C-alpha cells in the first residue's frame, strides 16, 4: 500500500515539474518578443534585422522539434 502512495506523490511531483518547465519555455519565447523593440531603440536595428535575429532565435526550437517529436 505504501508503494502506491509513493507512486502517486512521484507522479504529482513530475507533473508539477513538467508544468513549470512548460511555463519557463513559454516565458523565454515571449520575453524575446517583448525585448525586441527595446533592442531596436538601443542598438538602432531596422525591422528586417530584428526579424532576422528573432528568426535565428527560433530556429533551434524548430530544429529540435524534429528530434523531440519522434520521442513522443
PDB file of N, CA and C in Angstrom:
ATOM      1  N   UNK A   1       0.822  -1.198   0.000  1.00  0.00           N
ATOM      2  CA  UNK A   1       0.000   0.000   0.000  1.00  0.00           C
ATOM      3  C   UNK A   1       0.861   1.255   0.000  1.00  0.00           C
ATOM      4  N   UNK A   2       1.987   1.200   0.709  1.00  0.00           N
ATOM      5  CA  UNK A   2       2.859   2.371   0.769  1.00  0.00           C
ATOM      6  C   UNK A   2       3.492   2.656  -0.591  1.00  0.00           C
ATOM      7  N   UNK A   3       3.672   1.598  -1.384  1.00  0.00           N
ATOM      8  CA  UNK A   3       4.278   1.795  -2.691  1.00  0.00           C
ATOM      9  C   UNK A   3       3.340   2.580  -3.608  1.00  0.00           C
ATOM     10  N   UNK A   4       2.041   2.351  -3.545  1.00  0.00           N
ATOM     11  CA  UNK A   4       1.087   3.085  -4.372  1.00  0.00           C
ATOM     12  C   UNK A   4       1.052   4.555  -3.984  1.00  0.00           C
ATOM     13  N   UNK A   5       1.146   4.849  -2.710  1.00  0.00           N
ATOM     14  CA  UNK A   5       1.158   6.245  -2.264  1.00  0.00           C
ATOM     15  C   UNK A   5       2.415   6.945  -2.761  1.00  0.00           C
ATOM     16  N   UNK A   6       3.530   6.239  -2.800  1.00  0.00           N
ATOM     17  CA  UNK A   6       4.772   6.812  -3.302  1.00  0.00           C
ATOM     18  C   UNK A   6       4.706   7.115  -4.782  1.00  0.00           C
ATOM     19  N   UNK A   7       4.064   6.237  -5.548  1.00  0.00           N
ATOM     20  CA  UNK A   7       3.947   6.493  -6.985  1.00  0.00           C
ATOM     21  C   UNK A   7       3.032   7.661  -7.265  1.00  0.00           C
ATOM     22  N   UNK A   8       2.002   7.834  -6.470  1.00  0.00           N
ATOM     23  CA  UNK A   8       1.109   8.981  -6.675  1.00  0.00           C
ATOM     24  C   UNK A   8       1.830  10.286  -6.368  1.00  0.00           C
ATOM     25  N   UNK A   9       2.637  10.290  -5.309  1.00  0.00           N
ATOM     26  CA  UNK A   9       3.360  11.519  -4.985  1.00  0.00           C
ATOM     27  C   UNK A   9       4.449  11.793  -6.020  1.00  0.00           C
ATOM     28  N   UNK A  10       5.085  10.742  -6.527  1.00  0.00           N
ATOM     29  CA  UNK A  10       6.075  10.929  -7.590  1.00  0.00           C
ATOM     30  C   UNK A  10       5.420  11.463  -8.856  1.00  0.00           C
ATOM     31  N   UNK A  11       4.242  10.966  -9.170  1.00  0.00           N
ATOM     32  CA  UNK A  11       3.529  11.447 -10.349  1.00  0.00           C
ATOM     33  C   UNK A  11       3.128  12.904 -10.182  1.00  0.00           C
ATOM     34  N   UNK A  12       2.732  13.284  -8.988  1.00  0.00           N
ATOM     35  CA  UNK A  12       2.355  14.677  -8.737  1.00  0.00           C
ATOM     36  C   UNK A  12       3.565  15.594  -8.859  1.00  0.00           C
ATOM     37  N   UNK A  13       4.690  15.169  -8.326  1.00  0.00           N
ATOM     38  CA  UNK A  13       5.917  15.974  -8.420  1.00  0.00           C
ATOM     39  C   UNK A  13       6.351  16.102  -9.872  1.00  0.00           C
ATOM     40  N   UNK A  14       6.297  15.011 -10.619  1.00  0.00           N
ATOM     41  CA  UNK A  14       6.674  15.043 -12.029  1.00  0.00           C
ATOM     42  C   UNK A  14       5.750  15.952 -12.824  1.00  0.00           C
ATOM     43  N   UNK A  15       4.464  15.898 -12.545  1.00  0.00           N
ATOM     44  CA  UNK A  15       3.507  16.763 -13.232  1.00  0.00           C
ATOM     45  C   UNK A  15       3.798  18.229 -12.948  1.00  0.00           C
ATOM     46  N   UNK A  16       4.080  18.553 -11.716  1.00  0.00           N
ATOM     47  CA  UNK A  16       4.392  19.942 -11.352  1.00  0.00           C
ATOM     48  C   UNK A  16       5.681  20.398 -12.027  1.00  0.00           C
ATOM     49  N   UNK A  17       6.702  19.550 -12.044  1.00  0.00           N
ATOM     50  CA  UNK A  17       7.966  19.912 -12.689  1.00  0.00           C
ATOM     51  C   UNK A  17       7.800  20.111 -14.192  1.00  0.00           C
ATOM     52  N   UNK A  18       7.024  19.252 -14.831  1.00  0.00           N
ATOM     53  CA  UNK A  18       6.780  19.410 -16.264  1.00  0.00           C
ATOM     54  C   UNK A  18       5.993  20.678 -16.555  1.00  0.00           C
ATOM     55  N   UNK A  19       5.038  20.999 -15.707  1.00  0.00           N
ATOM     56  CA  UNK A  19       4.268  22.230 -15.883  1.00  0.00           C
ATOM     57  C   UNK A  19       5.164  23.455 -15.727  1.00  0.00           C
ATOM     58  N   UNK A  20       6.047  23.438 -14.732  1.00  0.00           N
ATOM     59  CA  UNK A  20       6.975  24.555 -14.541  1.00  0.00           C
ATOM     60  C   UNK A  20       7.952  24.681 -15.709  1.00  0.00           C
ATOM     61  N   UNK A  21       8.389  23.560 -16.259  1.00  0.00           N
ATOM     62  CA  UNK A  21       9.273  23.597 -17.428  1.00  0.00           C
ATOM     63  C   UNK A  21       8.545  24.191 -18.626  1.00  0.00           C
ATOM     64  N   UNK A  22       7.269  23.853 -18.783  1.00  0.00           N
ATOM     65  CA  UNK A  22       6.472  24.422 -19.872  1.00  0.00           C
ATOM     66  C   UNK A  22       6.315  25.933 -19.697  1.00  0.00           C
ATOM     67  N   UNK A  23       6.039  26.371 -18.478  1.00  0.00           N
ATOM     68  CA  UNK A  23       5.908  27.808 -18.224  1.00  0.00           C
ATOM     69  C   UNK A  23       7.218  28.543 -18.494  1.00  0.00           C
ATOM     70  N   UNK A  24       8.325  27.959 -18.101  1.00  0.00           N
ATOM     71  CA  UNK A  24       9.624  28.578 -18.340  1.00  0.00           C
ATOM     72  C   UNK A  24       9.916  28.681 -19.835  1.00  0.00           C
ATOM     73  N   UNK A  25       9.596  27.642 -20.571  1.00  0.00           N
ATOM     74  CA  UNK A  25       9.797  27.662 -22.020  1.00  0.00           C
ATOM     75  C   UNK A  25       8.927  28.729 -22.675  1.00  0.00           C
ATOM     76  N   UNK A  26       7.675  28.819 -22.263  1.00  0.00           N
ATOM     77  CA  UNK A  26       6.781  29.843 -22.815  1.00  0.00           C
ATOM     78  C   UNK A  26       7.269  31.241 -22.458  1.00  0.00           C
ATOM     79  N   UNK A  27       7.806  31.405 -21.257  1.00  0.00           N
ATOM     80  CA  UNK A  27       8.333  32.707 -20.851  1.00  0.00           C
ATOM     81  C   UNK A  27       9.497  33.126 -21.733  1.00  0.00           C
ATOM     82  N   UNK A  28      10.428  32.198 -21.998  1.00  0.00           N
ATOM     83  CA  UNK A  28      11.590  32.539 -22.817  1.00  0.00           C
ATOM     84  C   UNK A  28      11.183  32.919 -24.236  1.00  0.00           C
ATOM     85  N   UNK A  29      10.196  32.235 -24.775  1.00  0.00           N
ATOM     86  CA  UNK A  29       9.733  32.563 -26.128  1.00  0.00           C
ATOM     87  C   UNK A  29       9.070  33.935 -26.156  1.00  0.00           C
ATOM     88  N   UNK A  30       8.294  34.252 -25.132  1.00  0.00           N
ATOM     89  CA  UNK A  30       7.585  35.529 -25.085  1.00  0.00           C
ATOM     90  C   UNK A  30       8.517  36.675 -24.725  1.00  0.00           C
ATOM     91  N   UNK A  31       9.440  36.450 -23.823  1.00  0.00           N
ATOM     92  CA  UNK A  31      10.349  37.513 -23.386  1.00  0.00           C
ATOM     93  C   UNK A  31      11.191  38.032 -24.540  1.00  0.00           C
ATOM     94  N   UNK A  32      11.545  37.171 -25.458  1.00  0.00           N
ATOM     95  CA  UNK A  32      12.329  37.611 -26.616  1.00  0.00           C
ATOM     96  C   UNK A  32      11.527  38.597 -27.460  1.00  0.00           C
ATOM     97  N   UNK A  33      10.249  38.330 -27.655  1.00  0.00           N
ATOM     98  CA  UNK A  33       9.415  39.228 -28.458  1.00  0.00           C
ATOM     99  C   UNK A  33       9.181  40.562 -27.769  1.00  0.00           C
ATOM    100  N   UNK A  34       9.105  40.558 -26.468  1.00  0.00           N
ATOM    101  CA  UNK A  34       8.887  41.796 -25.726  1.00  0.00           C
ATOM    102  C   UNK A  34      10.146  42.660 -25.750  1.00  0.00           C
ATOM    103  N   UNK A  35      11.306  42.039 -25.777  1.00  0.00           N
ATOM    104  CA  UNK A  35      12.569  42.775 -25.714  1.00  0.00           C
ATOM    105  C   UNK A  35      13.009  43.357 -27.054  1.00  0.00           C
ATOM    106  N   UNK A  36      12.474  42.870 -28.160  1.00  0.00           N
ATOM    107  CA  UNK A  36      12.932  43.308 -29.482  1.00  0.00           C
ATOM    108  C   UNK A  36      12.785  44.813 -29.690  1.00  0.00           C
ATOM    109  N   UNK A  37      11.654  45.445 -29.365  1.00  0.00           N
ATOM    110  CA  UNK A  37      11.570  46.901 -29.576  1.00  0.00           C
ATOM    111  C   UNK A  37      12.618  47.688 -28.785  1.00  0.00           C
ATOM    112  N   UNK A  38      12.945  47.238 -27.595  1.00  0.00           N
ATOM    113  CA  UNK A  38      13.979  47.916 -26.806  1.00  0.00           C
ATOM    114  C   UNK A  38      15.352  47.758 -27.453  1.00  0.00           C
ATOM    115  N   UNK A  39      15.627  46.575 -27.984  1.00  0.00           N
ATOM    116  CA  UNK A  39      16.894  46.375 -28.692  1.00  0.00           C
ATOM    117  C   UNK A  39      16.962  47.236 -29.945  1.00  0.00           C
ATOM    118  N   UNK A  40      15.839  47.366 -30.630  1.00  0.00           N
ATOM    119  CA  UNK A  40      15.820  48.201 -31.831  1.00  0.00           C
ATOM    120  C   UNK A  40      16.170  49.643 -31.485  1.00  0.00           C
ATOM    121  N   UNK A  41      15.617  50.145 -30.399  1.00  0.00           N
ATOM    122  CA  UNK A  41      15.912  51.520 -29.983  1.00  0.00           C
ATOM    123  C   UNK A  41      17.364  51.668 -29.524  1.00  0.00           C
ATOM    124  N   UNK A  42      17.829  50.733 -28.717  1.00  0.00           N
ATOM    125  CA  UNK A  42      19.160  50.845 -28.121  1.00  0.00           C
ATOM    126  C   UNK A  42      20.278  50.687 -29.149  1.00  0.00           C
ATOM    127  N   UNK A  43      20.126  49.734 -30.049  1.00  0.00           N
ATOM    128  CA  UNK A  43      21.193  49.434 -30.997  1.00  0.00           C
ATOM    129  C   UNK A  43      20.955  50.104 -32.349  1.00  0.00           C
ATOM    130  N   UNK A  44      19.726  50.490 -32.609  1.00  0.00           N
ATOM    131  CA  UNK A  44      19.402  51.086 -33.895  1.00  0.00           C
ATOM    132  C   UNK A  44      19.169  50.051 -34.980  1.00  0.00           C
ATOM    133  N   UNK A  45      18.564  48.932 -34.614  1.00  0.00           N
ATOM    134  CA  UNK A  45      18.283  47.881 -35.584  1.00  0.00           C
ATOM    135  C   UNK A  45      17.096  48.252 -36.457  1.00  0.00           C
ATOM    136  N   UNK A  46      17.158  47.854 -37.707  1.00  0.00           N
ATOM    137  CA  UNK A  46      15.996  48.021 -38.578  1.00  0.00           C
ATOM    138  C   UNK A  46      15.011  46.888 -38.290  1.00  0.00           C
ATOM    139  N   UNK A  47      13.819  47.017 -38.831  1.00  0.00           N
ATOM    140  CA  UNK A  47      12.803  45.986 -38.609  1.00  0.00           C
ATOM    141  C   UNK A  47      13.229  44.666 -39.243  1.00  0.00           C
ATOM    142  N   UNK A  48      13.856  44.725 -40.409  1.00  0.00           N
ATOM    143  CA  UNK A  48      14.279  43.482 -41.061  1.00  0.00           C
ATOM    144  C   UNK A  48      15.410  42.801 -40.290  1.00  0.00           C
ATOM    145  N   UNK A  49      16.342  43.573 -39.755  1.00  0.00           N
ATOM    146  CA  UNK A  49      17.424  42.983 -38.957  1.00  0.00           C
ATOM    147  C   UNK A  49      16.875  42.362 -37.678  1.00  0.00           C
ATOM    148  N   UNK A  50      15.915  43.031 -37.051  1.00  0.00           N
ATOM    149  CA  UNK A  50      15.299  42.472 -35.844  1.00  0.00           C
ATOM    150  C   UNK A  50      14.551  41.186 -36.174  1.00  0.00           C
ATOM    151  N   UNK A  51      13.919  41.145 -37.338  1.00  0.00           N
ATOM    152  CA  UNK A  51      13.225  39.928 -37.761  1.00  0.00           C
ATOM    153  C   UNK A  51      14.176  38.774 -38.002  1.00  0.00           C
ATOM    154  N   UNK A  52      15.319  39.067 -38.599  1.00  0.00           N
ATOM    155  CA  UNK A  52      16.320  38.015 -38.839  1.00  0.00           C
ATOM    156  C   UNK A  52      16.865  37.487 -37.516  1.00  0.00           C
ATOM    157  N   UNK A  53      17.149  38.380 -36.589  1.00  0.00           N
ATOM    158  CA  UNK A  53      17.660  37.953 -35.280  1.00  0.00           C
ATOM    159  C   UNK A  53      16.607  37.130 -34.538  1.00  0.00           C
ATOM    160  N   UNK A  54      15.352  37.553 -34.602  1.00  0.00           N
ATOM    161  CA  UNK A  54      14.283  36.786 -33.957  1.00  0.00           C
ATOM    162  C   UNK A  54      14.146  35.412 -34.596  1.00  0.00           C
ATOM    163  N   UNK A  55      14.250  35.364 -35.910  1.00  0.00           N
ATOM    164  CA  UNK A  55      14.181  34.080 -36.601  1.00  0.00           C
ATOM    165  C   UNK A  55      15.315  33.157 -36.211  1.00  0.00           C
ATOM    166  N   UNK A  56      16.508  33.720 -36.055  1.00  0.00           N
ATOM    167  CA  UNK A  56      17.657  32.913 -35.639  1.00  0.00           C
ATOM    168  C   UNK A  56      17.459  32.363 -34.231  1.00  0.00           C
ATOM    169  N   UNK A  57      16.738  33.102 -33.411  1.00  0.00           N
ATOM    170  CA  UNK A  57      16.459  32.638 -32.055  1.00  0.00           C
ATOM    171  C   UNK A  57      15.513  31.438 -32.074  1.00  0.00           C
ATOM    172  N   UNK A  58      14.556  31.419 -33.010  1.00  0.00           N
ATOM    173  CA  UNK A  58      13.553  30.361 -33.022  1.00  0.00           C
ATOM    174  C   UNK A  58      13.929  29.164 -33.890  1.00  0.00           C
ATOM    175  N   UNK A  59      14.980  29.252 -34.703  1.00  0.00           N
ATOM    176  CA  UNK A  59      15.403  28.100 -35.497  1.00  0.00           C
ATOM    177  C   UNK A  59      15.782  26.896 -34.636  1.00  0.00           C
ATOM    178  N   UNK A  60      16.499  27.071 -33.522  1.00  0.00           N
ATOM    179  CA  UNK A  60      16.780  25.887 -32.682  1.00  0.00           C
ATOM    180  C   UNK A  60      15.508  25.212 -32.160  1.00  0.00           C
ATOM    181  N   UNK A  61      14.477  25.989 -31.844  1.00  0.00           N
ATOM    182  CA  UNK A  61      13.219  25.384 -31.406  1.00  0.00           C
ATOM    183  C   UNK A  61      12.629  24.523 -32.519  1.00  0.00           C
ATOM    184  N   UNK A  62      12.638  25.039 -33.733  1.00  0.00           N
ATOM    185  CA  UNK A  62      12.084  24.286 -34.859  1.00  0.00           C
ATOM    186  C   UNK A  62      12.923  23.044 -35.149  1.00  0.00           C
ATOM    187  N   UNK A  63      14.238  23.189 -35.116  1.00  0.00           N
ATOM    188  CA  UNK A  63      15.121  22.059 -35.395  1.00  0.00           C
ATOM    189  C   UNK A  63      14.981  20.967 -34.337  1.00  0.00           C
ATOM    190  N   UNK A  64      14.961  21.361 -33.077  1.00  0.00           N
ATOM    191  CA  UNK A  64      14.866  20.372 -32.005  1.00  0.00           C
ATOM    192  C   UNK A  64      13.481  19.744 -31.910  1.00  0.00           C
ATOM    193  N   UNK A  65      12.481  20.393 -32.490  1.00  0.00           N
ATOM    194  CA  UNK A  65      11.146  19.806 -32.507  1.00  0.00           C
ATOM    195  C   UNK A  65      11.153  18.508 -33.316  1.00  0.00           C
ATOM    196  N   UNK A  66      11.971  18.461 -34.355  1.00  0.00           N
ATOM    197  CA  UNK A  66      12.081  17.232 -35.142  1.00  0.00           C
ATOM    198  C   UNK A  66      12.610  16.086 -34.288  1.00  0.00           C
ATOM    199  N   UNK A  67      13.600  16.370 -33.464  1.00  0.00           N
ATOM    200  CA  UNK A  67      14.178  15.324 -32.618  1.00  0.00           C
ATOM    201  C   UNK A  67      13.247  14.945 -31.473  1.00  0.00           C
ATOM    202  N   UNK A  68      12.683  15.935 -30.812  1.00  0.00           N
ATOM    203  CA  UNK A  68      11.836  15.624 -29.657  1.00  0.00           C
ATOM    204  C   UNK A  68      10.467  15.116 -30.075  1.00  0.00           C
ATOM    205  N   UNK A  69      10.025  15.469 -31.252  1.00  0.00           N
ATOM    206  CA  UNK A  69       8.733  14.974 -31.728  1.00  0.00           C
ATOM    207  C   UNK A  69       8.743  13.472 -31.933  1.00  0.00           C
ATOM    208  N   UNK A  70       9.889  12.931 -32.303  1.00  0.00           N
ATOM    209  CA  UNK A  70       9.972  11.486 -32.507  1.00  0.00           C
ATOM    210  C   UNK A  70       9.969  10.725 -31.181  1.00  0.00           C
ATOM    211  N   UNK A  71      10.248  11.411 -30.080  1.00  0.00           N
ATOM    212  CA  UNK A  71      10.238  10.757 -28.775  1.00  0.00           C
ATOM    213  C   UNK A  71       8.825  10.496 -28.271  1.00  0.00           C
ATOM    214  N   UNK A  72       7.887  11.294 -28.727  1.00  0.00           N
ATOM    215  CA  UNK A  72       6.515  11.173 -28.210  1.00  0.00           C
ATOM    216  C   UNK A  72       5.716  10.130 -28.918  1.00  0.00           C
TER     217      UNK A  72
END
